[in-house]
Amino acid sequence: MDRIPFGVSRLDSIIGGGAPPGSVVLLAGETGAGAREFLYTSAAINGLAHTDDEQFDLHYGDVDDRAAVPEEIHYVSFTASGDELRREVEYTMDEEIVESALDAVTFADFSQEYFQLSPIPREWYTRRTQTITDLGQGSERRGVLEAVGEHLNRNAANNLVVIDSLTDLTRAPEEHLGWSDVTLLMKGLQKASRAWSGLILVLVNQDALTDVEMGDLMGATDGTIAFEWETGGSERDRVMYVREFRGVLSRLEAEDVIRFETEIHEAGFDISNVRKIR
């Protein structure tokens, strides 16, 4: 296996089937420009490959000979449950697709670890009723990075993992989680992903970062795909371009591809046009 499909068929066909195994890819977008929809589509279409051959063929087509769909799909969230995320994906994609596709997606909700040191009321985020024993073990609670690390150690090998979203970690109270912790997480992921040979997609809201912070994250990942709004006349269009990506950017440059015009429809995120250097 030389590639793992992103699940966006036209993009995968242009770049030789998908991403190189062992890649950590940053999906960095302006608000509403398509990064989140790309994440949803990647999880759902790869899930569809395991649950419904007919719908997968209709909405994606044939997998490139050099590629293979991931064995499992894992969706990691710091603030939302699987039920909440399922409803969000249904806002983006056709309910019939979502119902079938997400049966193959395993959701991991780390909101308890994320919120536990904050003043937020426990009943807002806890996954189960707390007992006297639980309260007495408060000093032994896992940190959110430790919890995520353990989850990835168990589940990332040969699989697709989507992380929604790094923005939550960047906005955590500094006394609990500093910027250096976030960048070390990304550098650690980049190193570990080589052995895991899967694909990790990390969503971040570019509007929430400084230029320096964005540069730090780009330097700690294998690829960065940017999603932006472009204004021309009275219209606003979503566009996507690859800022950095080992094993992918060189292919796009060889074909003179500079930018993708994108759209969002019932099957999720898609490419509507490819802009080349004229």
C-alpha atoms as a PDB file:
ATOM      1  CA  MET A   1       0.000   0.000   0.000  1.00  0.00           C
ATOM      2  CA  ASP A   2       1.488   3.299  -1.162  1.00  0.00           C
ATOM      3  CA  ARG A   3      -1.442   5.608  -0.377  1.00  0.00           C
ATOM      4  CA  ILE A   4      -4.407   6.009   1.961  1.00  0.00           C
ATOM      5  CA  PRO A   5      -7.447   7.726   0.408  1.00  0.00           C
ATOM      6  CA  PHE A   6      -8.601  11.036   1.839  1.00  0.00           C
ATOM      7  CA  GLY A   7     -12.085  10.095   0.680  1.00  0.00           C
ATOM      8  CA  VAL A   8     -12.406  13.041  -1.723  1.00  0.00           C
ATOM      9  CA  SER A   9     -12.289  11.170  -5.016  1.00  0.00           C
ATOM     10  CA  ARG A  10     -11.117  13.909  -7.374  1.00  0.00           C
ATOM     11  CA  LEU A  11      -8.336  14.996  -5.031  1.00  0.00           C
ATOM     12  CA  ASP A  12      -7.219  11.399  -4.480  1.00  0.00           C
ATOM     13  CA  SER A  13      -7.089  10.747  -8.234  1.00  0.00           C
ATOM     14  CA  ILE A  14      -4.922  13.822  -8.840  1.00  0.00           C
ATOM     15  CA  ILE A  15      -2.375  12.973  -6.135  1.00  0.00           C
ATOM     16  CA  GLY A  16      -1.986   9.283  -6.919  1.00  0.00           C
ATOM     17  CA  GLY A  17      -4.578   7.681  -4.663  1.00  0.00           C
ATOM     18  CA  GLY A  18      -4.335   9.684  -1.450  1.00  0.00           C
ATOM     19  CA  ALA A  19      -1.810  10.477   1.284  1.00  0.00           C
ATOM     20  CA  PRO A  20       1.407   8.546   1.935  1.00  0.00           C
ATOM     21  CA  PRO A  21       0.997   6.144   4.889  1.00  0.00           C
ATOM     22  CA  GLY A  22       2.453   7.511   8.093  1.00  0.00           C
ATOM     23  CA  SER A  23       1.345  11.089   7.407  1.00  0.00           C
ATOM     24  CA  VAL A  24       0.029  13.699   9.829  1.00  0.00           C
ATOM     25  CA  VAL A  25      -1.940  16.283   7.838  1.00  0.00           C
ATOM     26  CA  LEU A  26      -3.113  19.638   9.181  1.00  0.00           C
ATOM     27  CA  LEU A  27      -6.463  20.846   7.833  1.00  0.00           C
ATOM     28  CA  ALA A  28      -6.248  24.585   8.467  1.00  0.00           C
ATOM     29  CA  GLY A  29      -9.215  26.671   7.466  1.00  0.00           C
ATOM     30  CA  GLU A  30     -10.969  29.955   7.762  1.00  0.00           C
ATOM     31  CA  THR A  31     -14.346  29.640   9.464  1.00  0.00           C
ATOM     32  CA  GLY A  32     -16.848  27.913   7.162  1.00  0.00           C
ATOM     33  CA  ALA A  33     -14.406  27.529   4.283  1.00  0.00           C
ATOM     34  CA  GLY A  34     -14.610  23.739   4.138  1.00  0.00           C
ATOM     35  CA  ALA A  35     -11.948  22.267   6.438  1.00  0.00           C
ATOM     36  CA  ARG A  36     -14.483  20.719   8.813  1.00  0.00           C
ATOM     37  CA  GLU A  37     -16.543  19.379   5.917  1.00  0.00           C
ATOM     38  CA  PHE A  38     -13.382  17.829   4.455  1.00  0.00           C
ATOM     39  CA  LEU A  39     -12.803  16.084   7.811  1.00  0.00           C
ATOM     40  CA  TYR A  40     -16.391  14.800   7.949  1.00  0.00           C
ATOM     41  CA  THR A  41     -16.225  13.580   4.353  1.00  0.00           C
ATOM     42  CA  SER A  42     -12.931  11.781   4.876  1.00  0.00           C
ATOM     43  CA  ALA A  43     -14.306   9.850   7.849  1.00  0.00           C
ATOM     44  CA  ALA A  44     -17.664   9.125   6.235  1.00  0.00           C
ATOM     45  CA  ILE A  45     -16.512   8.039   2.773  1.00  0.00           C
ATOM     46  CA  ASN A  46     -13.789   5.793   4.175  1.00  0.00           C
ATOM     47  CA  GLY A  47     -16.415   4.363   6.512  1.00  0.00           C
ATOM     48  CA  LEU A  48     -18.770   3.817   3.585  1.00  0.00           C
ATOM     49  CA  ALA A  49     -16.136   1.636   1.932  1.00  0.00           C
ATOM     50  CA  HIS A  50     -16.638  -0.844   4.798  1.00  0.00           C
ATOM     51  CA  THR A  51     -20.430  -0.744   5.021  1.00  0.00           C
ATOM     52  CA  ASP A  52     -22.008  -0.104   1.617  1.00  0.00           C
ATOM     53  CA  ASP A  53     -20.186  -0.980  -1.617  1.00  0.00           C
ATOM     54  CA  GLU A  54     -22.963   0.410  -3.807  1.00  0.00           C
ATOM     55  CA  GLN A  55     -23.036   3.852  -2.171  1.00  0.00           C
ATOM     56  CA  PHE A  56     -19.234   3.957  -2.015  1.00  0.00           C
ATOM     57  CA  ASP A  57     -19.003   3.265  -5.735  1.00  0.00           C
ATOM     58  CA  LEU A  58     -21.649   5.913  -6.438  1.00  0.00           C
ATOM     59  CA  HIS A  59     -20.082   8.691  -4.355  1.00  0.00           C
ATOM     60  CA  TYR A  60     -16.376   7.819  -4.631  1.00  0.00           C
ATOM     61  CA  GLY A  61     -15.739   5.286  -7.379  1.00  0.00           C
ATOM     62  CA  ASP A  62     -12.771   2.973  -7.728  1.00  0.00           C
ATOM     63  CA  VAL A  63      -9.888   3.102  -5.259  1.00  0.00           C
ATOM     64  CA  ASP A  64      -6.567   3.698  -7.008  1.00  0.00           C
ATOM     65  CA  ASP A  65      -4.471   0.557  -7.547  1.00  0.00           C
ATOM     66  CA  ARG A  66      -1.731   2.098  -5.394  1.00  0.00           C
ATOM     67  CA  ALA A  67      -4.093   2.821  -2.491  1.00  0.00           C
ATOM     68  CA  ALA A  68      -6.063   0.902   0.130  1.00  0.00           C
ATOM     69  CA  VAL A  69      -8.791   2.165   2.431  1.00  0.00           C
ATOM     70  CA  PRO A  70      -7.783   2.213   6.123  1.00  0.00           C
ATOM     71  CA  GLU A  71      -8.665  -0.804   8.226  1.00  0.00           C
ATOM     72  CA  GLU A  72     -10.553   1.317  10.787  1.00  0.00           C
ATOM     73  CA  ILE A  73     -11.697   4.923  11.169  1.00  0.00           C
ATOM     74  CA  HIS A  74     -11.404   6.668  14.540  1.00  0.00           C
ATOM     75  CA  TYR A  75     -12.908  10.077  15.269  1.00  0.00           C
ATOM     76  CA  VAL A  76     -11.363  11.934  18.235  1.00  0.00           C
ATOM     77  CA  SER A  77     -13.137  14.898  19.837  1.00  0.00           C
ATOM     78  CA  PHE A  78     -12.249  16.959  22.910  1.00  0.00           C
ATOM     79  CA  THR A  79     -15.668  18.506  23.462  1.00  0.00           C
ATOM     80  CA  ALA A  80     -18.393  16.462  21.738  1.00  0.00           C
ATOM     81  CA  SER A  81     -19.930  13.001  22.012  1.00  0.00           C
ATOM     82  CA  GLY A  82     -20.456  10.585  19.168  1.00  0.00           C
ATOM     83  CA  ASP A  83     -24.184  11.400  19.061  1.00  0.00           C
ATOM     84  CA  GLU A  84     -23.464  15.125  18.803  1.00  0.00           C
ATOM     85  CA  LEU A  85     -20.939  14.590  16.019  1.00  0.00           C
ATOM     86  CA  ARG A  86     -23.312  12.317  14.121  1.00  0.00           C
ATOM     87  CA  ARG A  87     -25.910  15.103  14.111  1.00  0.00           C
ATOM     88  CA  GLU A  88     -23.308  17.597  12.908  1.00  0.00           C
ATOM     89  CA  VAL A  89     -22.250  15.344  10.017  1.00  0.00           C
ATOM     90  CA  GLU A  90     -25.917  14.985   9.018  1.00  0.00           C
ATOM     91  CA  TYR A  91     -26.062  18.764   8.559  1.00  0.00           C
ATOM     92  CA  THR A  92     -23.314  18.410   5.949  1.00  0.00           C
ATOM     93  CA  MET A  93     -24.103  15.121   4.197  1.00  0.00           C
ATOM     94  CA  ASP A  94     -27.156  13.148   3.129  1.00  0.00           C
ATOM     95  CA  GLU A  95     -28.706  11.283   6.060  1.00  0.00           C
ATOM     96  CA  GLU A  96     -28.708   7.969   4.165  1.00  0.00           C
ATOM     97  CA  ILE A  97     -24.956   8.204   3.582  1.00  0.00           C
ATOM     98  CA  VAL A  98     -24.277   9.185   7.188  1.00  0.00           C
ATOM     99  CA  GLU A  99     -26.441   6.425   8.636  1.00  0.00           C
ATOM    100  CA  SER A 100     -24.495   3.752   6.783  1.00  0.00           C
ATOM    101  CA  ALA A 101     -21.017   5.306   6.831  1.00  0.00           C
ATOM    102  CA  LEU A 102     -20.768   6.157  10.518  1.00  0.00           C
ATOM    103  CA  ASP A 103     -21.493   2.567  11.513  1.00  0.00           C
ATOM    104  CA  ALA A 104     -17.843   1.977  10.620  1.00  0.00           C
ATOM    105  CA  VAL A 105     -16.537   5.019  12.537  1.00  0.00           C
ATOM    106  CA  THR A 106     -15.484   4.705  16.182  1.00  0.00           C
ATOM    107  CA  PHE A 107     -15.929   7.917  18.189  1.00  0.00           C
ATOM    108  CA  ALA A 108     -13.694   8.829  21.127  1.00  0.00           C
ATOM    109  CA  ASP A 109     -15.011  11.596  23.390  1.00  0.00           C
ATOM    110  CA  PHE A 110     -12.369  13.214  25.635  1.00  0.00           C
ATOM    111  CA  SER A 111     -14.588  16.001  26.969  1.00  0.00           C
ATOM    112  CA  GLN A 112     -14.310  14.644  30.514  1.00  0.00           C
ATOM    113  CA  GLU A 113     -10.515  14.877  30.464  1.00  0.00           C
ATOM    114  CA  TYR A 114     -10.666  18.246  28.695  1.00  0.00           C
ATOM    115  CA  PHE A 115     -13.113  19.956  31.071  1.00  0.00           C
ATOM    116  CA  GLN A 116     -12.228  18.283  34.364  1.00  0.00           C
ATOM    117  CA  LEU A 117      -9.846  20.996  35.595  1.00  0.00           C
ATOM    118  CA  SER A 118     -12.111  23.848  34.546  1.00  0.00           C
ATOM    119  CA  PRO A 119     -14.904  25.508  36.576  1.00  0.00           C
ATOM    120  CA  ILE A 120     -17.498  24.051  34.165  1.00  0.00           C
ATOM    121  CA  PRO A 121     -20.164  22.061  36.129  1.00  0.00           C
ATOM    122  CA  ARG A 122     -19.336  18.361  36.070  1.00  0.00           C
ATOM    123  CA  GLU A 123     -22.823  17.319  34.969  1.00  0.00           C
ATOM    124  CA  TRP A 124     -22.367  19.282  31.724  1.00  0.00           C
ATOM    125  CA  TYR A 125     -19.688  16.989  30.390  1.00  0.00           C
ATOM    126  CA  THR A 126     -19.346  13.806  32.435  1.00  0.00           C
ATOM    127  CA  ARG A 127     -20.034  10.544  30.626  1.00  0.00           C
ATOM    128  CA  ARG A 128     -21.507   8.781  33.653  1.00  0.00           C
ATOM    129  CA  THR A 129     -22.754   9.380  37.187  1.00  0.00           C
ATOM    130  CA  GLN A 130     -19.919  10.172  39.594  1.00  0.00           C
ATOM    131  CA  THR A 131     -19.566   8.096  42.765  1.00  0.00           C
ATOM    132  CA  ILE A 132     -17.813   8.850  46.054  1.00  0.00           C
ATOM    133  CA  THR A 133     -14.973   6.615  44.864  1.00  0.00           C
ATOM    134  CA  ASP A 134     -14.637   8.593  41.631  1.00  0.00           C
ATOM    135  CA  LEU A 135     -14.446  11.849  43.524  1.00  0.00           C
ATOM    136  CA  GLY A 136     -11.793  10.441  45.816  1.00  0.00           C
ATOM    137  CA  GLN A 137      -9.622   9.571  42.831  1.00  0.00           C
ATOM    138  CA  GLY A 138      -9.541  13.099  41.493  1.00  0.00           C
ATOM    139  CA  SER A 139      -5.789  13.432  41.986  1.00  0.00           C
ATOM    140  CA  GLU A 140      -5.273  10.435  39.683  1.00  0.00           C
ATOM    141  CA  ARG A 141      -7.282  11.775  36.747  1.00  0.00           C
ATOM    142  CA  ARG A 142      -5.608  11.536  33.364  1.00  0.00           C
ATOM    143  CA  GLY A 143      -4.709  14.679  31.512  1.00  0.00           C
ATOM    144  CA  VAL A 144      -6.275  15.113  28.084  1.00  0.00           C
ATOM    145  CA  LEU A 145      -2.971  14.652  26.229  1.00  0.00           C
ATOM    146  CA  GLU A 146      -2.209  11.470  28.148  1.00  0.00           C
ATOM    147  CA  ALA A 147      -5.678  10.123  27.371  1.00  0.00           C
ATOM    148  CA  VAL A 148      -5.383  10.926  23.672  1.00  0.00           C
ATOM    149  CA  GLY A 149      -1.892   9.431  23.529  1.00  0.00           C
ATOM    150  CA  GLU A 150      -3.109   6.164  25.030  1.00  0.00           C
ATOM    151  CA  HIS A 151      -5.992   6.054  22.578  1.00  0.00           C
ATOM    152  CA  LEU A 152      -3.724   6.585  19.577  1.00  0.00           C
ATOM    153  CA  ASN A 153      -1.249   3.973  20.765  1.00  0.00           C
ATOM    154  CA  ARG A 154      -4.090   1.454  20.715  1.00  0.00           C
ATOM    155  CA  ASN A 155      -5.856   2.527  17.545  1.00  0.00           C
ATOM    156  CA  ALA A 156      -3.742   4.517  15.100  1.00  0.00           C
ATOM    157  CA  ALA A 157      -1.730   1.745  13.395  1.00  0.00           C
ATOM    158  CA  ASN A 158      -2.871   1.227   9.777  1.00  0.00           C
ATOM    159  CA  ASN A 159      -5.987   3.293  10.437  1.00  0.00           C
ATOM    160  CA  LEU A 160      -7.468   6.707   9.706  1.00  0.00           C
ATOM    161  CA  VAL A 161      -7.666   8.980  12.762  1.00  0.00           C
ATOM    162  CA  VAL A 162      -9.343  12.383  12.575  1.00  0.00           C
ATOM    163  CA  ILE A 163      -8.844  14.861  15.423  1.00  0.00           C
ATOM    164  CA  ASP A 164     -11.529  17.504  15.937  1.00  0.00           C
ATOM    165  CA  SER A 165     -10.095  19.865  16.755  1.00  0.00           C
ATOM    166  CA  LEU A 166      -6.687  21.164  17.735  1.00  0.00           C
ATOM    167  CA  THR A 167      -8.286  24.581  18.264  1.00  0.00           C
ATOM    168  CA  ASP A 168      -9.806  23.268  21.500  1.00  0.00           C
ATOM    169  CA  LEU A 169      -6.325  22.525  22.853  1.00  0.00           C
ATOM    170  CA  THR A 170      -4.913  25.884  21.758  1.00  0.00           C
ATOM    171  CA  ARG A 171      -7.623  27.656  23.758  1.00  0.00           C
ATOM    172  CA  ALA A 172      -7.323  25.591  26.949  1.00  0.00           C
ATOM    173  CA  PRO A 173      -6.266  27.524  30.112  1.00  0.00           C
ATOM    174  CA  GLU A 174      -2.484  28.035  30.015  1.00  0.00           C
ATOM    175  CA  GLU A 175      -2.029  26.781  33.573  1.00  0.00           C
ATOM    176  CA  HIS A 176      -3.296  23.379  32.389  1.00  0.00           C
ATOM    177  CA  LEU A 177      -2.059  23.232  28.779  1.00  0.00           C
ATOM    178  CA  GLY A 178       0.464  25.592  27.206  1.00  0.00           C
ATOM    179  CA  TRP A 179       1.336  26.228  23.571  1.00  0.00           C
ATOM    180  CA  SER A 180       4.538  24.204  23.932  1.00  0.00           C
ATOM    181  CA  ASP A 181       2.393  21.202  24.959  1.00  0.00           C
ATOM    182  CA  VAL A 182       0.375  21.538  21.761  1.00  0.00           C
ATOM    183  CA  THR A 183       3.420  21.724  19.503  1.00  0.00           C
ATOM    184  CA  LEU A 184       5.075  18.807  21.314  1.00  0.00           C
ATOM    185  CA  LEU A 185       1.908  16.777  20.760  1.00  0.00           C
ATOM    186  CA  MET A 186       2.131  17.439  17.035  1.00  0.00           C
ATOM    187  CA  LYS A 187       5.847  16.665  16.855  1.00  0.00           C
ATOM    188  CA  GLY A 188       5.238  13.452  18.777  1.00  0.00           C
ATOM    189  CA  LEU A 189       2.424  12.488  16.431  1.00  0.00           C
ATOM    190  CA  GLN A 190       4.637  13.122  13.433  1.00  0.00           C
ATOM    191  CA  LYS A 191       7.332  10.833  14.811  1.00  0.00           C
ATOM    192  CA  ALA A 192       4.966   8.063  15.943  1.00  0.00           C
ATOM    193  CA  SER A 193       2.943   8.104  12.725  1.00  0.00           C
ATOM    194  CA  ARG A 194       5.892   6.735  10.780  1.00  0.00           C
ATOM    195  CA  ALA A 195       5.619   3.459  12.692  1.00  0.00           C
ATOM    196  CA  TRP A 196       1.808   3.441  12.692  1.00  0.00           C
ATOM    197  CA  SER A 197       1.634   3.710   8.862  1.00  0.00           C
ATOM    198  CA  GLY A 198      -1.865   5.142   8.999  1.00  0.00           C
ATOM    199  CA  LEU A 199      -3.220   8.620   8.286  1.00  0.00           C
ATOM    200  CA  ILE A 200      -3.934  11.284  10.915  1.00  0.00           C
ATOM    201  CA  LEU A 201      -5.973  14.364   9.983  1.00  0.00           C
ATOM    202  CA  VAL A 202      -5.875  17.258  12.446  1.00  0.00           C
ATOM    203  CA  LEU A 203      -8.422  20.063  12.141  1.00  0.00           C
ATOM    204  CA  VAL A 204      -7.590  23.597  13.271  1.00  0.00           C
ATOM    205  CA  ASN A 205      -9.321  26.953  12.828  1.00  0.00           C
ATOM    206  CA  GLN A 206      -6.741  29.200  11.215  1.00  0.00           C
ATOM    207  CA  ASP A 207      -8.558  32.317  12.441  1.00  0.00           C
ATOM    208  CA  ALA A 208      -7.706  31.311  16.039  1.00  0.00           C
ATOM    209  CA  LEU A 209      -3.926  31.220  15.432  1.00  0.00           C
ATOM    210  CA  THR A 210      -1.206  33.794  15.021  1.00  0.00           C
ATOM    211  CA  ASP A 211       1.131  33.518  12.027  1.00  0.00           C
ATOM    212  CA  VAL A 212       3.873  32.237  14.343  1.00  0.00           C
ATOM    213  CA  GLU A 213       1.604  29.577  15.836  1.00  0.00           C
ATOM    214  CA  MET A 214       0.494  28.494  12.377  1.00  0.00           C
ATOM    215  CA  GLY A 215       4.127  28.203  11.346  1.00  0.00           C
ATOM    216  CA  ASP A 216       4.881  26.072  14.399  1.00  0.00           C
ATOM    217  CA  LEU A 217       2.109  23.626  13.517  1.00  0.00           C
ATOM    218  CA  MET A 218       3.070  23.444   9.858  1.00  0.00           C
ATOM    219  CA  GLY A 219       6.625  22.628  10.874  1.00  0.00           C
ATOM    220  CA  ALA A 220       5.402  19.782  13.095  1.00  0.00           C
ATOM    221  CA  THR A 221       3.283  18.010  10.444  1.00  0.00           C
ATOM    222  CA  ASP A 222       3.892  16.260   7.139  1.00  0.00           C
ATOM    223  CA  GLY A 223       1.352  18.274   5.204  1.00  0.00           C
ATOM    224  CA  THR A 224      -0.894  21.308   5.448  1.00  0.00           C
ATOM    225  CA  ILE A 225      -4.047  21.762   3.400  1.00  0.00           C
ATOM    226  CA  ALA A 226      -5.498  25.262   3.605  1.00  0.00           C
ATOM    227  CA  PHE A 227      -9.169  26.200   3.138  1.00  0.00           C
ATOM    228  CA  GLU A 228     -10.099  29.812   2.462  1.00  0.00           C
ATOM    229  CA  TRP A 229     -12.819  32.097   1.214  1.00  0.00           C
ATOM    230  CA  GLU A 230     -12.104  33.924  -2.018  1.00  0.00           C
ATOM    231  CA  THR A 231     -14.111  36.991  -2.991  1.00  0.00           C
ATOM    232  CA  GLY A 232     -14.611  37.982  -6.597  1.00  0.00           C
ATOM    233  CA  GLY A 233     -17.203  40.588  -7.521  1.00  0.00           C
ATOM    234  CA  SER A 234     -20.430  39.834  -5.662  1.00  0.00           C
ATOM    235  CA  GLU A 235     -19.616  36.159  -4.969  1.00  0.00           C
ATOM    236  CA  ARG A 236     -17.639  34.277  -2.343  1.00  0.00           C
ATOM    237  CA  ASP A 237     -16.102  30.936  -3.266  1.00  0.00           C
ATOM    238  CA  ARG A 238     -14.454  28.265  -1.171  1.00  0.00           C
ATOM    239  CA  VAL A 239     -10.936  27.392  -2.302  1.00  0.00           C
ATOM    240  CA  MET A 240      -8.383  24.845  -1.132  1.00  0.00           C
ATOM    241  CA  TYR A 241      -4.681  24.572  -1.729  1.00  0.00           C
ATOM    242  CA  VAL A 242      -1.806  22.442  -0.492  1.00  0.00           C
ATOM    243  CA  ARG A 243       0.743  24.572   1.349  1.00  0.00           C
ATOM    244  CA  GLU A 244       3.141  21.769   2.235  1.00  0.00           C
ATOM    245  CA  PHE A 245       2.973  17.995   1.881  1.00  0.00           C
ATOM    246  CA  ARG A 246       5.775  15.489   1.466  1.00  0.00           C
ATOM    247  CA  GLY A 247       5.136  13.183  -1.455  1.00  0.00           C
ATOM    248  CA  VAL A 248       2.119  15.194  -2.630  1.00  0.00           C
ATOM    249  CA  LEU A 249       3.049  18.839  -3.247  1.00  0.00           C
ATOM    250  CA  SER A 250       5.745  17.879  -5.762  1.00  0.00           C
ATOM    251  CA  ARG A 251       3.130  15.964  -7.787  1.00  0.00           C
ATOM    252  CA  LEU A 252       0.799  18.962  -7.862  1.00  0.00           C
ATOM    253  CA  GLU A 253       3.652  21.251  -8.883  1.00  0.00           C
ATOM    254  CA  ALA A 254       4.613  18.866 -11.696  1.00  0.00           C
ATOM    255  CA  GLU A 255       1.045  19.111 -13.022  1.00  0.00           C
ATOM    256  CA  ASP A 256       0.976  22.901 -12.493  1.00  0.00           C
ATOM    257  CA  VAL A 257      -1.966  22.669 -10.098  1.00  0.00           C
ATOM    258  CA  ILE A 258      -2.074  25.763  -7.917  1.00  0.00           C
ATOM    259  CA  ARG A 259      -5.524  25.783  -6.326  1.00  0.00           C
ATOM    260  CA  PHE A 260      -8.797  23.885  -6.087  1.00  0.00           C
ATOM    261  CA  GLU A 261     -12.244  25.420  -6.185  1.00  0.00           C
ATOM    262  CA  THR A 262     -14.475  23.434  -3.842  1.00  0.00           C
ATOM    263  CA  GLU A 263     -18.123  22.845  -3.025  1.00  0.00           C
ATOM    264  CA  ILE A 264     -20.199  21.070  -0.405  1.00  0.00           C
ATOM    265  CA  HIS A 265     -23.162  18.914  -1.470  1.00  0.00           C
ATOM    266  CA  GLU A 266     -25.118  15.894  -0.240  1.00  0.00           C
ATOM    267  CA  ALA A 267     -22.053  13.630  -0.489  1.00  0.00           C
ATOM    268  CA  GLY A 268     -19.944  16.109   1.500  1.00  0.00           C
ATOM    269  CA  PHE A 269     -16.844  18.011   0.459  1.00  0.00           C
ATOM    270  CA  ASP A 270     -15.851  17.937  -3.214  1.00  0.00           C
ATOM    271  CA  ILE A 271     -13.643  19.652  -5.751  1.00  0.00           C
ATOM    272  CA  SER A 272     -15.542  21.604  -8.411  1.00  0.00           C
ATOM    273  CA  ASN A 273     -12.613  22.923 -10.435  1.00  0.00           C
ATOM    274  CA  VAL A 274      -8.830  22.652 -10.605  1.00  0.00           C
ATOM    275  CA  ARG A 275      -6.869  25.809 -11.330  1.00  0.00           C
ATOM    276  CA  LYS A 276      -3.619  25.426 -13.210  1.00  0.00           C
ATOM    277  CA  ILE A 277      -0.881  27.837 -14.205  1.00  0.00           C
ATOM    278  CA  ARG A 278      -1.696  29.080 -17.693  1.00  0.00           C
END
